[in-house]
Amino acid sequence: MNKPIPDGSPDLSQQAYAQLIEQLFELNKPAEMAEHLWEIYSGFQMFDHQTGYNPRKLDIYYTFRDLVFFCQNVAAMKAA
Protein backbone atom coordinates (compact mmCIF):
# COMPACT_ATOMS: atom_id res chain seq x y z
CA MET A 1 0.00 0.00 0.00
CA ASN A 2 1.40 3.40 -0.96
CA LYS A 3 1.47 5.93 1.84
CA PRO A 4 2.11 9.54 0.93
CA ILE A 5 5.35 10.79 2.46
CA PRO A 6 6.08 14.51 2.60
CA ASP A 7 9.16 15.81 0.82
CA GLY A 8 12.18 17.35 2.46
CA SER A 9 13.42 15.17 5.27
CA PRO A 10 16.23 12.69 4.52
CA ASP A 11 14.64 10.25 6.97
CA LEU A 12 11.35 10.45 5.14
CA SER A 13 13.10 9.92 1.82
CA GLN A 14 14.78 6.81 3.20
CA GLN A 15 11.42 5.54 4.41
CA ALA A 16 9.95 6.14 0.97
CA TYR A 17 12.80 4.20 -0.67
CA ALA A 18 12.35 1.39 1.83
CA GLN A 19 8.65 1.20 1.00
CA LEU A 20 9.38 1.02 -2.71
CA ILE A 21 11.94 -1.73 -2.20
CA GLU A 22 9.53 -3.67 0.01
CA GLN A 23 6.86 -3.42 -2.69
CA LEU A 24 9.34 -4.55 -5.34
CA PHE A 25 10.06 -7.76 -3.46
CA GLU A 26 6.46 -8.56 -2.47
CA LEU A 27 5.89 -10.70 -5.57
CA ASN A 28 9.30 -12.34 -5.89
CA LYS A 29 12.02 -13.21 -3.45
CA PRO A 30 15.24 -11.24 -4.01
CA ALA A 31 17.13 -14.38 -5.07
CA GLU A 32 14.41 -15.20 -7.62
CA MET A 33 14.50 -11.63 -8.89
CA ALA A 34 18.27 -11.88 -9.43
CA GLU A 35 17.77 -15.08 -11.41
CA HIS A 36 15.08 -13.43 -13.52
CA LEU A 37 17.37 -10.50 -14.22
CA TRP A 38 20.05 -12.82 -15.59
CA GLU A 39 17.46 -14.55 -17.76
CA ILE A 40 16.38 -11.17 -19.13
CA TYR A 41 19.99 -10.21 -19.76
CA SER A 42 20.67 -13.52 -21.51
CA GLY A 43 17.73 -12.85 -23.84
CA PHE A 44 19.07 -9.38 -24.49
CA GLN A 45 22.49 -10.83 -25.32
CA MET A 46 20.97 -13.19 -27.89
CA PHE A 47 18.95 -10.38 -29.45
CA ASP A 48 21.92 -8.01 -29.40
CA HIS A 49 24.14 -10.60 -31.07
CA GLN A 50 21.62 -10.89 -33.91
CA THR A 51 21.20 -7.14 -34.40
CA GLY A 52 24.87 -6.17 -34.44
CA TYR A 53 27.01 -3.59 -32.70
CA ASN A 54 25.56 -1.76 -29.71
CA PRO A 55 27.73 1.02 -28.28
CA ARG A 56 25.79 0.88 -24.97
CA LYS A 57 26.32 -2.85 -24.44
CA LEU A 58 28.81 -2.43 -21.59
CA ASP A 59 26.65 0.15 -19.81
CA ILE A 60 23.65 -2.16 -20.06
CA TYR A 61 25.69 -5.03 -18.65
CA TYR A 62 26.77 -2.93 -15.66
CA THR A 63 23.17 -1.87 -15.01
CA PHE A 64 22.00 -5.47 -14.96
CA ARG A 65 24.97 -6.54 -12.87
CA ASP A 66 24.29 -3.82 -10.30
CA LEU A 67 20.63 -4.81 -10.12
CA VAL A 68 21.62 -8.43 -9.56
CA PHE A 69 24.06 -7.44 -6.82
CA PHE A 70 21.35 -5.31 -5.22
CA CYS A 71 18.95 -8.26 -5.19
CA GLN A 72 21.64 -10.51 -3.75
CA ASN A 73 22.39 -7.98 -1.01
CA VAL A 74 18.70 -7.73 -0.11
CA ALA A 75 18.49 -11.54 -0.01
CA ALA A 76 21.51 -11.66 2.33
CA MET A 77 19.94 -9.02 4.59
CA LYS A 78 16.68 -10.99 4.78
CA ALA A 79 18.58 -14.20 5.57
CA ALA A 80 20.51 -12.58 8.43
C-alpha atoms as a PDB file:
ATOM      1  CA  MET A   1       0.000   0.000   0.000  1.00  0.00           C
ATOM      2  CA  ASN A   2       1.399   3.398  -0.955  1.00  0.00           C
ATOM      3  CA  LYS A   3       1.473   5.925   1.843  1.00  0.00           C
ATOM      4  CA  PRO A   4       2.115   9.539   0.934  1.00  0.00           C
ATOM      5  CA  ILE A   5       5.353  10.791   2.464  1.00  0.00           C
ATOM      6  CA  PRO A   6       6.077  14.514   2.603  1.00  0.00           C
ATOM      7  CA  ASP A   7       9.157  15.812   0.824  1.00  0.00           C
ATOM      8  CA  GLY A   8      12.179  17.346   2.458  1.00  0.00           C
ATOM      9  CA  SER A   9      13.417  15.174   5.271  1.00  0.00           C
ATOM     10  CA  PRO A  10      16.232  12.690   4.518  1.00  0.00           C
ATOM     11  CA  ASP A  11      14.643  10.252   6.971  1.00  0.00           C
ATOM     12  CA  LEU A  12      11.346  10.446   5.136  1.00  0.00           C
ATOM     13  CA  SER A  13      13.100   9.922   1.816  1.00  0.00           C
ATOM     14  CA  GLN A  14      14.781   6.814   3.197  1.00  0.00           C
ATOM     15  CA  GLN A  15      11.421   5.538   4.411  1.00  0.00           C
ATOM     16  CA  ALA A  16       9.953   6.136   0.965  1.00  0.00           C
ATOM     17  CA  TYR A  17      12.797   4.202  -0.675  1.00  0.00           C
ATOM     18  CA  ALA A  18      12.355   1.389   1.832  1.00  0.00           C
ATOM     19  CA  GLN A  19       8.646   1.197   1.004  1.00  0.00           C
ATOM     20  CA  LEU A  20       9.376   1.023  -2.714  1.00  0.00           C
ATOM     21  CA  ILE A  21      11.937  -1.732  -2.198  1.00  0.00           C
ATOM     22  CA  GLU A  22       9.535  -3.668   0.005  1.00  0.00           C
ATOM     23  CA  GLN A  23       6.861  -3.416  -2.695  1.00  0.00           C
ATOM     24  CA  LEU A  24       9.340  -4.552  -5.335  1.00  0.00           C
ATOM     25  CA  PHE A  25      10.060  -7.760  -3.455  1.00  0.00           C
ATOM     26  CA  GLU A  26       6.456  -8.565  -2.473  1.00  0.00           C
ATOM     27  CA  LEU A  27       5.893 -10.703  -5.573  1.00  0.00           C
ATOM     28  CA  ASN A  28       9.303 -12.335  -5.891  1.00  0.00           C
ATOM     29  CA  LYS A  29      12.021 -13.211  -3.447  1.00  0.00           C
ATOM     30  CA  PRO A  30      15.243 -11.243  -4.011  1.00  0.00           C
ATOM     31  CA  ALA A  31      17.134 -14.385  -5.071  1.00  0.00           C
ATOM     32  CA  GLU A  32      14.409 -15.202  -7.621  1.00  0.00           C
ATOM     33  CA  MET A  33      14.498 -11.631  -8.889  1.00  0.00           C
ATOM     34  CA  ALA A  34      18.268 -11.878  -9.430  1.00  0.00           C
ATOM     35  CA  GLU A  35      17.773 -15.080 -11.410  1.00  0.00           C
ATOM     36  CA  HIS A  36      15.077 -13.429 -13.522  1.00  0.00           C
ATOM     37  CA  LEU A  37      17.367 -10.502 -14.222  1.00  0.00           C
ATOM     38  CA  TRP A  38      20.055 -12.817 -15.587  1.00  0.00           C
ATOM     39  CA  GLU A  39      17.460 -14.550 -17.761  1.00  0.00           C
ATOM     40  CA  ILE A  40      16.384 -11.173 -19.125  1.00  0.00           C
ATOM     41  CA  TYR A  41      19.993 -10.205 -19.761  1.00  0.00           C
ATOM     42  CA  SER A  42      20.667 -13.519 -21.511  1.00  0.00           C
ATOM     43  CA  GLY A  43      17.729 -12.851 -23.839  1.00  0.00           C
ATOM     44  CA  PHE A  44      19.072  -9.379 -24.487  1.00  0.00           C
ATOM     45  CA  GLN A  45      22.487 -10.829 -25.315  1.00  0.00           C
ATOM     46  CA  MET A  46      20.968 -13.195 -27.886  1.00  0.00           C
ATOM     47  CA  PHE A  47      18.953 -10.379 -29.451  1.00  0.00           C
ATOM     48  CA  ASP A  48      21.916  -8.007 -29.401  1.00  0.00           C
ATOM     49  CA  HIS A  49      24.137 -10.598 -31.073  1.00  0.00           C
ATOM     50  CA  GLN A  50      21.620 -10.892 -33.910  1.00  0.00           C
ATOM     51  CA  THR A  51      21.197  -7.144 -34.397  1.00  0.00           C
ATOM     52  CA  GLY A  52      24.865  -6.172 -34.445  1.00  0.00           C
ATOM     53  CA  TYR A  53      27.012  -3.594 -32.704  1.00  0.00           C
ATOM     54  CA  ASN A  54      25.556  -1.764 -29.708  1.00  0.00           C
ATOM     55  CA  PRO A  55      27.727   1.019 -28.277  1.00  0.00           C
ATOM     56  CA  ARG A  56      25.794   0.879 -24.966  1.00  0.00           C
ATOM     57  CA  LYS A  57      26.324  -2.850 -24.442  1.00  0.00           C
ATOM     58  CA  LEU A  58      28.814  -2.428 -21.588  1.00  0.00           C
ATOM     59  CA  ASP A  59      26.647   0.153 -19.810  1.00  0.00           C
ATOM     60  CA  ILE A  60      23.648  -2.159 -20.062  1.00  0.00           C
ATOM     61  CA  TYR A  61      25.692  -5.031 -18.645  1.00  0.00           C
ATOM     62  CA  TYR A  62      26.775  -2.925 -15.657  1.00  0.00           C
ATOM     63  CA  THR A  63      23.174  -1.869 -15.005  1.00  0.00           C
ATOM     64  CA  PHE A  64      21.998  -5.475 -14.956  1.00  0.00           C
ATOM     65  CA  ARG A  65      24.974  -6.543 -12.870  1.00  0.00           C
ATOM     66  CA  ASP A  66      24.288  -3.821 -10.303  1.00  0.00           C
ATOM     67  CA  LEU A  67      20.626  -4.807 -10.122  1.00  0.00           C
ATOM     68  CA  VAL A  68      21.616  -8.435  -9.557  1.00  0.00           C
ATOM     69  CA  PHE A  69      24.064  -7.436  -6.819  1.00  0.00           C
ATOM     70  CA  PHE A  70      21.350  -5.311  -5.216  1.00  0.00           C
ATOM     71  CA  CYS A  71      18.946  -8.261  -5.186  1.00  0.00           C
ATOM     72  CA  GLN A  72      21.642 -10.511  -3.748  1.00  0.00           C
ATOM     73  CA  ASN A  73      22.392  -7.979  -1.007  1.00  0.00           C
ATOM     74  CA  VAL A  74      18.700  -7.731  -0.105  1.00  0.00           C
ATOM     75  CA  ALA A  75      18.492 -11.540  -0.009  1.00  0.00           C
ATOM     76  CA  ALA A  76      21.512 -11.657   2.328  1.00  0.00           C
ATOM     77  CA  MET A  77      19.938  -9.022   4.587  1.00  0.00           C
ATOM     78  CA  LYS A  78      16.682 -10.987   4.782  1.00  0.00           C
ATOM     79  CA  ALA A  79      18.578 -14.200   5.567  1.00  0.00           C
ATOM     80  CA  ALA A  80      20.510 -12.581   8.429  1.00  0.00           C
END
